[in-house]
Amino acid sequence: MVVRLLCTIATLVILAFFVGYNLDNKCDVNLLVHTFKDVHIFITIIISFAAGSLFTLPVIFIHKSKKNKKEDESGQKQKKFSFKKNKGLLAKAEVAAEEIKSEDKTISSENSESETGNPV
């Protein structure tokens, strides 16, 4: 909670410095129908950022709905990547360990057969 408050205050301080240093910088904004003259740079940047954020929201929701449809069609929920379930080096090492154990058992059973002369 305190970290969020400190981040908000730091963001506002940075924004205030940005606004303060760009008060003299102005530009014209043309929206095809109307041209706004002498608009401060920081207002243009903030509005552009907000518009970009709004235009990305539908893309995020469309991606989530497609992912949910794939899960429904397959009948299973897709598994997320996990190091424990990764069939990489860890899984190969476990398989190799099992093979070594089985080889040890066969070697020990062969040794017991040769010593006693009777198969086990």
C-alpha atoms as a PDB file:
ATOM      1  CA  MET A   1       0.000   0.000   0.000  1.00  0.00           C
ATOM      2  CA  VAL A   2       2.804   2.400   0.904  1.00  0.00           C
ATOM      3  CA  VAL A   3       4.757   1.437  -2.206  1.00  0.00           C
ATOM      4  CA  ARG A   4       1.777   2.267  -4.416  1.00  0.00           C
ATOM      5  CA  LEU A   5       1.431   5.667  -2.739  1.00  0.00           C
ATOM      6  CA  LEU A   6       5.139   6.423  -3.203  1.00  0.00           C
ATOM      7  CA  CYS A   7       4.980   5.384  -6.879  1.00  0.00           C
ATOM      8  CA  THR A   8       1.971   7.653  -7.440  1.00  0.00           C
ATOM      9  CA  ILE A   9       3.727  10.599  -5.799  1.00  0.00           C
ATOM     10  CA  ALA A  10       6.907   9.973  -7.821  1.00  0.00           C
ATOM     11  CA  THR A  11       4.880   9.805 -11.043  1.00  0.00           C
ATOM     12  CA  LEU A  12       3.120  13.060 -10.252  1.00  0.00           C
ATOM     13  CA  VAL A  13       6.441  14.774  -9.463  1.00  0.00           C
ATOM     14  CA  ILE A  14       7.933  13.599 -12.767  1.00  0.00           C
ATOM     15  CA  LEU A  15       4.807  14.746 -14.616  1.00  0.00           C
ATOM     16  CA  ALA A  16       4.970  18.145 -12.889  1.00  0.00           C
ATOM     17  CA  PHE A  17       8.612  18.608 -13.935  1.00  0.00           C
ATOM     18  CA  PHE A  18       7.736  17.597 -17.493  1.00  0.00           C
ATOM     19  CA  VAL A  19       4.856  20.073 -17.609  1.00  0.00           C
ATOM     20  CA  GLY A  20       6.933  22.837 -16.041  1.00  0.00           C
ATOM     21  CA  TYR A  21       9.763  22.514 -18.546  1.00  0.00           C
ATOM     22  CA  ASN A  22       7.409  22.369 -21.549  1.00  0.00           C
ATOM     23  CA  LEU A  23       5.096  25.281 -20.760  1.00  0.00           C
ATOM     24  CA  ASP A  24       6.679  27.422 -23.461  1.00  0.00           C
ATOM     25  CA  ASN A  25       6.626  24.689 -26.114  1.00  0.00           C
ATOM     26  CA  LYS A  26       3.457  24.802 -28.193  1.00  0.00           C
ATOM     27  CA  CYS A  27       2.287  23.193 -31.421  1.00  0.00           C
ATOM     28  CA  ASP A  28      -0.680  23.090 -33.759  1.00  0.00           C
ATOM     29  CA  VAL A  29      -2.900  19.995 -33.730  1.00  0.00           C
ATOM     30  CA  ASN A  30      -4.790  19.234 -36.930  1.00  0.00           C
ATOM     31  CA  LEU A  31      -7.832  16.936 -36.680  1.00  0.00           C
ATOM     32  CA  LEU A  32      -8.745  17.187 -40.403  1.00  0.00           C
ATOM     33  CA  VAL A  33     -11.865  19.219 -39.591  1.00  0.00           C
ATOM     34  CA  HIS A  34     -10.413  21.720 -37.177  1.00  0.00           C
ATOM     35  CA  THR A  35      -6.918  22.918 -36.318  1.00  0.00           C
ATOM     36  CA  PHE A  36      -6.149  23.732 -32.730  1.00  0.00           C
ATOM     37  CA  LYS A  37      -3.452  26.393 -32.530  1.00  0.00           C
ATOM     38  CA  ASP A  38      -0.866  26.836 -29.783  1.00  0.00           C
ATOM     39  CA  VAL A  39      -1.618  23.636 -27.849  1.00  0.00           C
ATOM     40  CA  HIS A  40       0.909  22.803 -25.156  1.00  0.00           C
ATOM     41  CA  ILE A  41       3.159  19.840 -25.969  1.00  0.00           C
ATOM     42  CA  PHE A  42       2.438  17.993 -22.713  1.00  0.00           C
ATOM     43  CA  ILE A  43      -1.321  18.098 -23.346  1.00  0.00           C
ATOM     44  CA  THR A  44      -0.788  16.636 -26.823  1.00  0.00           C
ATOM     45  CA  ILE A  45       1.400  13.846 -25.432  1.00  0.00           C
ATOM     46  CA  ILE A  46      -0.994  12.963 -22.592  1.00  0.00           C
ATOM     47  CA  ILE A  47      -4.026  12.869 -24.922  1.00  0.00           C
ATOM     48  CA  SER A  48      -2.095  10.761 -27.445  1.00  0.00           C
ATOM     49  CA  PHE A  49      -1.106   8.286 -24.728  1.00  0.00           C
ATOM     50  CA  ALA A  50      -4.688   8.031 -23.447  1.00  0.00           C
ATOM     51  CA  ALA A  51      -6.033   7.494 -26.980  1.00  0.00           C
ATOM     52  CA  GLY A  52      -3.446   4.774 -27.608  1.00  0.00           C
ATOM     53  CA  SER A  53      -4.394   3.049 -24.373  1.00  0.00           C
ATOM     54  CA  LEU A  54      -8.080   3.123 -25.279  1.00  0.00           C
ATOM     55  CA  PHE A  55      -7.402   1.659 -28.719  1.00  0.00           C
ATOM     56  CA  THR A  56      -5.433  -1.253 -27.257  1.00  0.00           C
ATOM     57  CA  LEU A  57      -8.204  -2.345 -24.870  1.00  0.00           C
ATOM     58  CA  PRO A  58     -10.327  -4.095 -27.557  1.00  0.00           C
ATOM     59  CA  VAL A  59      -7.263  -6.005 -28.750  1.00  0.00           C
ATOM     60  CA  ILE A  60      -6.655  -7.324 -25.228  1.00  0.00           C
ATOM     61  CA  PHE A  61     -10.267  -8.443 -24.788  1.00  0.00           C
ATOM     62  CA  ILE A  62     -10.406 -10.068 -28.241  1.00  0.00           C
ATOM     63  CA  HIS A  63      -7.237 -12.035 -27.438  1.00  0.00           C
ATOM     64  CA  LYS A  64      -8.701 -13.263 -24.146  1.00  0.00           C
ATOM     65  CA  SER A  65     -11.980 -14.352 -25.779  1.00  0.00           C
ATOM     66  CA  LYS A  66     -10.120 -16.294 -28.508  1.00  0.00           C
ATOM     67  CA  LYS A  67      -8.040 -18.031 -25.864  1.00  0.00           C
ATOM     68  CA  ASN A  68     -11.176 -19.003 -23.920  1.00  0.00           C
ATOM     69  CA  LYS A  69     -12.797 -20.370 -27.100  1.00  0.00           C
ATOM     70  CA  LYS A  70      -9.755 -22.567 -27.780  1.00  0.00           C
ATOM     71  CA  GLU A  71      -9.973 -23.920 -24.236  1.00  0.00           C
ATOM     72  CA  ASP A  72     -13.691 -24.691 -24.679  1.00  0.00           C
ATOM     73  CA  GLU A  73     -13.166 -26.454 -28.020  1.00  0.00           C
ATOM     74  CA  SER A  74     -10.416 -28.705 -26.735  1.00  0.00           C
ATOM     75  CA  GLY A  75     -12.352 -29.492 -23.582  1.00  0.00           C
ATOM     76  CA  GLN A  76      -9.308 -28.899 -21.466  1.00  0.00           C
ATOM     77  CA  LYS A  77      -7.752 -25.867 -20.011  1.00  0.00           C
ATOM     78  CA  GLN A  78      -4.382 -25.117 -21.555  1.00  0.00           C
ATOM     79  CA  LYS A  79      -1.542 -25.653 -19.142  1.00  0.00           C
ATOM     80  CA  LYS A  80       0.654 -22.747 -18.313  1.00  0.00           C
ATOM     81  CA  PHE A  81       4.392 -23.132 -18.546  1.00  0.00           C
ATOM     82  CA  SER A  82       5.905 -24.446 -15.379  1.00  0.00           C
ATOM     83  CA  PHE A  83       9.450 -25.448 -14.593  1.00  0.00           C
ATOM     84  CA  LYS A  84       8.189 -28.458 -12.638  1.00  0.00           C
ATOM     85  CA  LYS A  85       6.179 -29.780 -15.597  1.00  0.00           C
ATOM     86  CA  ASN A  86       8.761 -28.877 -18.201  1.00  0.00           C
ATOM     87  CA  LYS A  87       9.894 -31.902 -20.170  1.00  0.00           C
ATOM     88  CA  GLY A  88      13.383 -30.596 -20.562  1.00  0.00           C
ATOM     89  CA  LEU A  89      16.598 -31.486 -18.852  1.00  0.00           C
ATOM     90  CA  LEU A  90      14.944 -32.345 -15.551  1.00  0.00           C
ATOM     91  CA  ALA A  91      12.655 -34.929 -17.156  1.00  0.00           C
ATOM     92  CA  LYS A  92      15.543 -36.409 -19.153  1.00  0.00           C
ATOM     93  CA  ALA A  93      17.611 -36.687 -15.991  1.00  0.00           C
ATOM     94  CA  GLU A  94      14.791 -38.518 -14.217  1.00  0.00           C
ATOM     95  CA  VAL A  95      14.436 -40.961 -17.117  1.00  0.00           C
ATOM     96  CA  ALA A  96      18.186 -41.574 -17.127  1.00  0.00           C
ATOM     97  CA  ALA A  97      18.140 -42.188 -13.357  1.00  0.00           C
ATOM     98  CA  GLU A  98      15.337 -44.741 -13.746  1.00  0.00           C
ATOM     99  CA  GLU A  99      17.258 -46.525 -16.516  1.00  0.00           C
ATOM    100  CA  ILE A 100      20.356 -46.699 -14.324  1.00  0.00           C
ATOM    101  CA  LYS A 101      18.307 -48.146 -11.462  1.00  0.00           C
ATOM    102  CA  SER A 102      16.780 -50.791 -13.730  1.00  0.00           C
ATOM    103  CA  GLU A 103      20.245 -51.666 -15.120  1.00  0.00           C
ATOM    104  CA  ASP A 104      21.579 -51.987 -11.568  1.00  0.00           C
ATOM    105  CA  LYS A 105      18.737 -54.369 -10.710  1.00  0.00           C
ATOM    106  CA  THR A 106      19.426 -56.549 -13.754  1.00  0.00           C
ATOM    107  CA  ILE A 107      23.149 -56.579 -13.055  1.00  0.00           C
ATOM    108  CA  SER A 108      22.585 -57.504  -9.412  1.00  0.00           C
ATOM    109  CA  SER A 109      20.159 -60.287 -10.402  1.00  0.00           C
ATOM    110  CA  GLU A 110      22.701 -61.637 -12.934  1.00  0.00           C
ATOM    111  CA  ASN A 111      25.398 -61.564 -10.254  1.00  0.00           C
ATOM    112  CA  SER A 112      23.193 -63.461  -7.828  1.00  0.00           C
ATOM    113  CA  GLU A 113      22.462 -66.068 -10.519  1.00  0.00           C
ATOM    114  CA  SER A 114      26.152 -66.581 -11.282  1.00  0.00           C
ATOM    115  CA  GLU A 115      27.046 -66.919  -7.586  1.00  0.00           C
ATOM    116  CA  THR A 116      24.331 -69.425  -6.717  1.00  0.00           C
ATOM    117  CA  GLY A 117      24.136 -71.142 -10.062  1.00  0.00           C
ATOM    118  CA  ASN A 118      20.347 -71.123  -9.856  1.00  0.00           C
ATOM    119  CA  PRO A 119      18.181 -68.561 -11.645  1.00  0.00           C
ATOM    120  CA  VAL A 120      16.148 -66.373  -9.336  1.00  0.00           C
END
